[in-house]
Amino acid sequence: MSSTLLRIDAAACLHRDTEQACRTAAGALRAPPPAYSTGLTHEWARDLLRSIPVQYHREPAVRELQAALV
């Protein structure tokens, strides 16, 4: 789980590059076993998603992150 959190944190650091940030976070959520893809990891990824301006929410990378959070 620590590596997943570190990848999501790194994605948050890429917030100026919305596409890369979302793809990194979505990949981080898909990497660990399902038991580790809940709780804190989802909370951090949701925080990243909330930080993205609404006008970007139709972008494919943002939708990829949204799908990874389902």
PDB file of N, CA and C in Angstrom:
ATOM      1  N   MET A   1       0.825  -1.185   0.000  1.00  0.00           N
ATOM      2  CA  MET A   1       0.000   0.000   0.000  1.00  0.00           C
ATOM      3  C   MET A   1       0.869   1.249   0.000  1.00  0.00           C
ATOM      4  N   SER A   2       2.019   1.219   0.643  1.00  0.00           N
ATOM      5  CA  SER A   2       2.888   2.395   0.689  1.00  0.00           C
ATOM      6  C   SER A   2       3.309   2.845  -0.700  1.00  0.00           C
ATOM      7  N   SER A   3       3.636   1.900  -1.563  1.00  0.00           N
ATOM      8  CA  SER A   3       4.055   2.286  -2.914  1.00  0.00           C
ATOM      9  C   SER A   3       2.890   2.908  -3.678  1.00  0.00           C
ATOM     10  N   THR A   4       1.682   2.431  -3.441  1.00  0.00           N
ATOM     11  CA  THR A   4       0.510   3.015  -4.091  1.00  0.00           C
ATOM     12  C   THR A   4       0.314   4.445  -3.626  1.00  0.00           C
ATOM     13  N   LEU A   5       0.428   4.682  -2.333  1.00  0.00           N
ATOM     14  CA  LEU A   5       0.281   6.032  -1.790  1.00  0.00           C
ATOM     15  C   LEU A   5       1.358   6.958  -2.337  1.00  0.00           C
ATOM     16  N   LEU A   6       2.572   6.460  -2.454  1.00  0.00           N
ATOM     17  CA  LEU A   6       3.658   7.273  -3.004  1.00  0.00           C
ATOM     18  C   LEU A   6       3.392   7.631  -4.463  1.00  0.00           C
ATOM     19  N   ARG A   7       2.842   6.707  -5.220  1.00  0.00           N
ATOM     20  CA  ARG A   7       2.535   6.990  -6.630  1.00  0.00           C
ATOM     21  C   ARG A   7       1.415   8.018  -6.750  1.00  0.00           C
ATOM     22  N   ILE A   8       0.409   7.911  -5.878  1.00  0.00           N
ATOM     23  CA  ILE A   8      -0.679   8.891  -5.903  1.00  0.00           C
ATOM     24  C   ILE A   8      -0.161  10.257  -5.476  1.00  0.00           C
ATOM     25  N   ASP A   9       0.710  10.286  -4.480  1.00  0.00           N
ATOM     26  CA  ASP A   9       1.305  11.542  -4.042  1.00  0.00           C
ATOM     27  C   ASP A   9       2.132  12.162  -5.177  1.00  0.00           C
ATOM     28  N   ALA A  10       2.867  11.342  -5.882  1.00  0.00           N
ATOM     29  CA  ALA A  10       3.645  11.840  -7.026  1.00  0.00           C
ATOM     30  C   ALA A  10       2.709  12.392  -8.097  1.00  0.00           C
ATOM     31  N   ALA A  11       1.581  11.738  -8.290  1.00  0.00           N
ATOM     32  CA  ALA A  11       0.592  12.229  -9.262  1.00  0.00           C
ATOM     33  C   ALA A  11       0.084  13.599  -8.848  1.00  0.00           C
ATOM     34  N   ALA A  12      -0.155  13.792  -7.567  1.00  0.00           N
ATOM     35  CA  ALA A  12      -0.625  15.092  -7.079  1.00  0.00           C
ATOM     36  C   ALA A  12       0.410  16.180  -7.358  1.00  0.00           C
ATOM     37  N   CYS A  13       1.671  15.819  -7.324  1.00  0.00           N
ATOM     38  CA  CYS A  13       2.734  16.789  -7.620  1.00  0.00           C
ATOM     39  C   CYS A  13       2.720  17.189  -9.092  1.00  0.00           C
ATOM     40  N   LEU A  14       2.097  16.392  -9.920  1.00  0.00           N
ATOM     41  CA  LEU A  14       2.016  16.671 -11.355  1.00  0.00           C
ATOM     42  C   LEU A  14       0.761  17.469 -11.700  1.00  0.00           C
ATOM     43  N   HIS A  15       0.120  18.061 -10.708  1.00  0.00           N
ATOM     44  CA  HIS A  15      -1.193  18.673 -10.909  1.00  0.00           C
ATOM     45  C   HIS A  15      -1.235  19.693 -12.040  1.00  0.00           C
ATOM     46  N   ARG A  16      -0.125  20.254 -12.414  1.00  0.00           N
ATOM     47  CA  ARG A  16      -0.118  21.208 -13.535  1.00  0.00           C
ATOM     48  C   ARG A  16      -0.256  20.469 -14.867  1.00  0.00           C
ATOM     49  N   ASP A  17       0.057  19.201 -14.863  1.00  0.00           N
ATOM     50  CA  ASP A  17      -0.128  18.358 -16.047  1.00  0.00           C
ATOM     51  C   ASP A  17      -1.258  17.390 -15.716  1.00  0.00           C
ATOM     52  N   THR A  18      -2.472  17.854 -15.918  1.00  0.00           N
ATOM     53  CA  THR A  18      -3.658  17.097 -15.517  1.00  0.00           C
ATOM     54  C   THR A  18      -3.676  15.696 -16.101  1.00  0.00           C
ATOM     55  N   GLU A  19      -3.353  15.583 -17.372  1.00  0.00           N
ATOM     56  CA  GLU A  19      -3.398  14.265 -18.022  1.00  0.00           C
ATOM     57  C   GLU A  19      -2.441  13.289 -17.348  1.00  0.00           C
ATOM     58  N   GLN A  20      -1.201  13.693 -17.166  1.00  0.00           N
ATOM     59  CA  GLN A  20      -0.211  12.798 -16.554  1.00  0.00           C
ATOM     60  C   GLN A  20      -0.570  12.492 -15.107  1.00  0.00           C
ATOM     61  N   ALA A  21      -1.052  13.471 -14.373  1.00  0.00           N
ATOM     62  CA  ALA A  21      -1.434  13.254 -12.972  1.00  0.00           C
ATOM     63  C   ALA A  21      -2.535  12.212 -12.872  1.00  0.00           C
ATOM     64  N   CYS A  22      -3.540  12.334 -13.718  1.00  0.00           N
ATOM     65  CA  CYS A  22      -4.663  11.391 -13.679  1.00  0.00           C
ATOM     66  C   CYS A  22      -4.238   9.995 -14.107  1.00  0.00           C
ATOM     67  N   ARG A  23      -3.426   9.914 -15.141  1.00  0.00           N
ATOM     68  CA  ARG A  23      -2.971   8.597 -15.602  1.00  0.00           C
ATOM     69  C   ARG A  23      -2.085   7.917 -14.549  1.00  0.00           C
ATOM     70  N   THR A  24      -1.233   8.688 -13.902  1.00  0.00           N
ATOM     71  CA  THR A  24      -0.379   8.132 -12.850  1.00  0.00           C
ATOM     72  C   THR A  24      -1.214   7.624 -11.680  1.00  0.00           C
ATOM     73  N   ALA A  25      -2.179   8.410 -11.247  1.00  0.00           N
ATOM     74  CA  ALA A  25      -3.025   8.008 -10.122  1.00  0.00           C
ATOM     75  C   ALA A  25      -3.888   6.802 -10.479  1.00  0.00           C
ATOM     76  N   ALA A  26      -4.464   6.796 -11.679  1.00  0.00           N
ATOM     77  CA  ALA A  26      -5.286   5.657 -12.101  1.00  0.00           C
ATOM     78  C   ALA A  26      -4.445   4.382 -12.167  1.00  0.00           C
ATOM     79  N   GLY A  27      -3.243   4.491 -12.692  1.00  0.00           N
ATOM     80  CA  GLY A  27      -2.347   3.340 -12.744  1.00  0.00           C
ATOM     81  C   GLY A  27      -1.980   2.847 -11.360  1.00  0.00           C
ATOM     82  N   ALA A  28      -1.779   3.777 -10.444  1.00  0.00           N
ATOM     83  CA  ALA A  28      -1.450   3.406  -9.064  1.00  0.00           C
ATOM     84  C   ALA A  28      -2.605   2.664  -8.411  1.00  0.00           C
ATOM     85  N   LEU A  29      -3.824   3.072  -8.703  1.00  0.00           N
ATOM     86  CA  LEU A  29      -4.989   2.402  -8.121  1.00  0.00           C
ATOM     87  C   LEU A  29      -5.193   1.003  -8.697  1.00  0.00           C
ATOM     88  N   ARG A  30      -4.808   0.804  -9.937  1.00  0.00           N
ATOM     89  CA  ARG A  30      -4.981  -0.506 -10.567  1.00  0.00           C
ATOM     90  C   ARG A  30      -3.858  -1.478 -10.223  1.00  0.00           C
ATOM     91  N   ALA A  31      -2.727  -0.983  -9.743  1.00  0.00           N
ATOM     92  CA  ALA A  31      -1.546  -1.826  -9.534  1.00  0.00           C
ATOM     93  C   ALA A  31      -1.668  -2.825  -8.372  1.00  0.00           C
ATOM     94  N   PRO A  32      -2.118  -2.409  -7.198  1.00  0.00           N
ATOM     95  CA  PRO A  32      -2.124  -3.351  -6.073  1.00  0.00           C
ATOM     96  C   PRO A  32      -3.322  -4.292  -6.117  1.00  0.00           C
ATOM     97  N   PRO A  33      -3.276  -5.335  -5.298  1.00  0.00           N
ATOM     98  CA  PRO A  33      -4.447  -6.213  -5.183  1.00  0.00           C
ATOM     99  C   PRO A  33      -5.655  -5.398  -4.713  1.00  0.00           C
ATOM    100  N   PRO A  34      -6.858  -5.817  -5.070  1.00  0.00           N
ATOM    101  CA  PRO A  34      -8.068  -5.063  -4.710  1.00  0.00           C
ATOM    102  C   PRO A  34      -8.179  -4.716  -3.223  1.00  0.00           C
ATOM    103  N   ALA A  35      -7.677  -5.551  -2.367  1.00  0.00           N
ATOM    104  CA  ALA A  35      -7.768  -5.284  -0.924  1.00  0.00           C
ATOM    105  C   ALA A  35      -7.031  -4.005  -0.531  1.00  0.00           C
ATOM    106  N   TYR A  36      -6.059  -3.598  -1.323  1.00  0.00           N
ATOM    107  CA  TYR A  36      -5.285  -2.400  -1.031  1.00  0.00           C
ATOM    108  C   TYR A  36      -5.751  -1.182  -1.820  1.00  0.00           C
ATOM    109  N   SER A  37      -6.744  -1.357  -2.667  1.00  0.00           N
ATOM    110  CA  SER A  37      -7.229  -0.256  -3.499  1.00  0.00           C
ATOM    111  C   SER A  37      -8.483   0.385  -2.917  1.00  0.00           C
ATOM    112  N   THR A  38      -8.509   0.527  -1.645  1.00  0.00           N
ATOM    113  CA  THR A  38      -9.653   1.164  -0.977  1.00  0.00           C
ATOM    114  C   THR A  38      -9.120   2.083   0.112  1.00  0.00           C
ATOM    115  N   GLY A  39      -9.999   2.652   0.879  1.00  0.00           N
ATOM    116  CA  GLY A  39      -9.598   3.446   2.031  1.00  0.00           C
ATOM    117  C   GLY A  39      -8.711   4.615   1.688  1.00  0.00           C
ATOM    118  N   LEU A  40      -7.532   4.619   2.285  1.00  0.00           N
ATOM    119  CA  LEU A  40      -6.619   5.747   2.166  1.00  0.00           C
ATOM    120  C   LEU A  40      -6.182   5.994   0.727  1.00  0.00           C
ATOM    121  N   THR A  41      -5.913   4.942  -0.031  1.00  0.00           N
ATOM    122  CA  THR A  41      -5.479   5.144  -1.416  1.00  0.00           C
ATOM    123  C   THR A  41      -6.580   5.818  -2.235  1.00  0.00           C
ATOM    124  N   HIS A  42      -7.818   5.397  -2.035  1.00  0.00           N
ATOM    125  CA  HIS A  42      -8.926   6.037  -2.758  1.00  0.00           C
ATOM    126  C   HIS A  42      -9.148   7.461  -2.266  1.00  0.00           C
ATOM    127  N   GLU A  43      -8.974   7.677  -0.989  1.00  0.00           N
ATOM    128  CA  GLU A  43      -9.149   9.030  -0.442  1.00  0.00           C
ATOM    129  C   GLU A  43      -8.155   9.995  -1.088  1.00  0.00           C
ATOM    130  N   TRP A  44      -6.900   9.594  -1.197  1.00  0.00           N
ATOM    131  CA  TRP A  44      -5.882  10.461  -1.811  1.00  0.00           C
ATOM    132  C   TRP A  44      -6.196  10.695  -3.278  1.00  0.00           C
ATOM    133  N   ALA A  45      -6.620   9.652  -3.980  1.00  0.00           N
ATOM    134  CA  ALA A  45      -6.948   9.803  -5.397  1.00  0.00           C
ATOM    135  C   ALA A  45      -8.179  10.698  -5.570  1.00  0.00           C
ATOM    136  N   ARG A  46      -9.160  10.567  -4.692  1.00  0.00           N
ATOM    137  CA  ARG A  46     -10.335  11.451  -4.759  1.00  0.00           C
ATOM    138  C   ARG A  46      -9.941  12.893  -4.480  1.00  0.00           C
ATOM    139  N   ASP A  47      -9.008  13.099  -3.551  1.00  0.00           N
ATOM    140  CA  ASP A  47      -8.511  14.462  -3.286  1.00  0.00           C
ATOM    141  C   ASP A  47      -7.889  15.053  -4.547  1.00  0.00           C
ATOM    142  N   LEU A  48      -7.106  14.257  -5.253  1.00  0.00           N
ATOM    143  CA  LEU A  48      -6.501  14.708  -6.504  1.00  0.00           C
ATOM    144  C   LEU A  48      -7.590  15.057  -7.511  1.00  0.00           C
ATOM    145  N   LEU A  49      -8.570  14.193  -7.647  1.00  0.00           N
ATOM    146  CA  LEU A  49      -9.656  14.431  -8.595  1.00  0.00           C
ATOM    147  C   LEU A  49     -10.416  15.713  -8.250  1.00  0.00           C
ATOM    148  N   ARG A  50     -10.670  15.944  -6.973  1.00  0.00           N
ATOM    149  CA  ARG A  50     -11.366  17.164  -6.552  1.00  0.00           C
ATOM    150  C   ARG A  50     -10.545  18.422  -6.839  1.00  0.00           C
ATOM    151  N   SER A  51      -9.239  18.295  -6.912  1.00  0.00           N
ATOM    152  CA  SER A  51      -8.390  19.464  -7.152  1.00  0.00           C
ATOM    153  C   SER A  51      -8.348  19.865  -8.630  1.00  0.00           C
ATOM    154  N   ILE A  52      -8.877  19.015  -9.495  1.00  0.00           N
ATOM    155  CA  ILE A  52      -8.857  19.286 -10.935  1.00  0.00           C
ATOM    156  C   ILE A  52     -10.066  20.142 -11.291  1.00  0.00           C
ATOM    157  N   PRO A  53      -9.842  21.273 -11.956  1.00  0.00           N
ATOM    158  CA  PRO A  53     -10.962  22.134 -12.338  1.00  0.00           C
ATOM    159  C   PRO A  53     -12.000  21.379 -13.174  1.00  0.00           C
ATOM    160  N   VAL A  54     -13.252  21.711 -12.955  1.00  0.00           N
ATOM    161  CA  VAL A  54     -14.375  21.021 -13.591  1.00  0.00           C
ATOM    162  C   VAL A  54     -14.265  21.011 -15.111  1.00  0.00           C
ATOM    163  N   GLN A  55     -13.731  22.057 -15.694  1.00  0.00           N
ATOM    164  CA  GLN A  55     -13.674  22.106 -17.158  1.00  0.00           C
ATOM    165  C   GLN A  55     -12.815  20.989 -17.753  1.00  0.00           C
ATOM    166  N   TYR A  56     -11.997  20.326 -16.944  1.00  0.00           N
ATOM    167  CA  TYR A  56     -11.168  19.226 -17.437  1.00  0.00           C
ATOM    168  C   TYR A  56     -11.796  17.852 -17.205  1.00  0.00           C
ATOM    169  N   HIS A  57     -12.930  17.786 -16.563  1.00  0.00           N
ATOM    170  CA  HIS A  57     -13.517  16.505 -16.176  1.00  0.00           C
ATOM    171  C   HIS A  57     -14.000  15.657 -17.353  1.00  0.00           C
ATOM    172  N   ARG A  58     -14.066  16.220 -18.547  1.00  0.00           N
ATOM    173  CA  ARG A  58     -14.452  15.433 -19.722  1.00  0.00           C
ATOM    174  C   ARG A  58     -13.227  14.873 -20.457  1.00  0.00           C
ATOM    175  N   GLU A  59     -12.047  15.237 -20.012  1.00  0.00           N
ATOM    176  CA  GLU A  59     -10.818  14.734 -20.639  1.00  0.00           C
ATOM    177  C   GLU A  59     -10.687  13.224 -20.393  1.00  0.00           C
ATOM    178  N   PRO A  60     -10.179  12.479 -21.370  1.00  0.00           N
ATOM    179  CA  PRO A  60     -10.053  11.028 -21.216  1.00  0.00           C
ATOM    180  C   PRO A  60      -9.252  10.601 -19.980  1.00  0.00           C
ATOM    181  N   ALA A  61      -8.180  11.282 -19.676  1.00  0.00           N
ATOM    182  CA  ALA A  61      -7.364  10.892 -18.514  1.00  0.00           C
ATOM    183  C   ALA A  61      -8.123  11.101 -17.207  1.00  0.00           C
ATOM    184  N   VAL A  62      -8.907  12.166 -17.123  1.00  0.00           N
ATOM    185  CA  VAL A  62      -9.701  12.417 -15.916  1.00  0.00           C
ATOM    186  C   VAL A  62     -10.771  11.345 -15.795  1.00  0.00           C
ATOM    187  N   ARG A  63     -11.375  10.982 -16.895  1.00  0.00           N
ATOM    188  CA  ARG A  63     -12.385   9.916 -16.873  1.00  0.00           C
ATOM    189  C   ARG A  63     -11.761   8.578 -16.495  1.00  0.00           C
ATOM    190  N   GLU A  64     -10.521   8.369 -16.904  1.00  0.00           N
ATOM    191  CA  GLU A  64      -9.804   7.146 -16.528  1.00  0.00           C
ATOM    192  C   GLU A  64      -9.637   7.079 -15.011  1.00  0.00           C
ATOM    193  N   LEU A  65      -9.285   8.193 -14.399  1.00  0.00           N
ATOM    194  CA  LEU A  65      -9.142   8.228 -12.949  1.00  0.00           C
ATOM    195  C   LEU A  65     -10.507   8.021 -12.283  1.00  0.00           C
ATOM    196  N   GLN A  66     -11.533   8.655 -12.803  1.00  0.00           N
ATOM    197  CA  GLN A  66     -12.879   8.455 -12.251  1.00  0.00           C
ATOM    198  C   GLN A  66     -13.275   6.992 -12.302  1.00  0.00           C
ATOM    199  N   ALA A  67     -12.992   6.328 -13.408  1.00  0.00           N
ATOM    200  CA  ALA A  67     -13.320   4.905 -13.558  1.00  0.00           C
ATOM    201  C   ALA A  67     -12.528   4.046 -12.584  1.00  0.00           C
ATOM    202  N   ALA A  68     -11.284   4.400 -12.346  1.00  0.00           N
ATOM    203  CA  ALA A  68     -10.451   3.628 -11.411  1.00  0.00           C
ATOM    204  C   ALA A  68     -10.958   3.746  -9.976  1.00  0.00           C
ATOM    205  N   LEU A  69     -11.688   4.815  -9.708  1.00  0.00           N
ATOM    206  CA  LEU A  69     -12.215   5.029  -8.350  1.00  0.00           C
ATOM    207  C   LEU A  69     -13.544   4.321  -8.098  1.00  0.00           C
ATOM    208  N   VAL A  70     -14.116   3.745  -9.139  1.00  0.00           N
ATOM    209  CA  VAL A  70     -15.428   3.066  -8.971  1.00  0.00           C
ATOM    210  C   VAL A  70     -15.242   1.733  -8.323  1.00  0.00           C
TER     211      VAL A  70
END
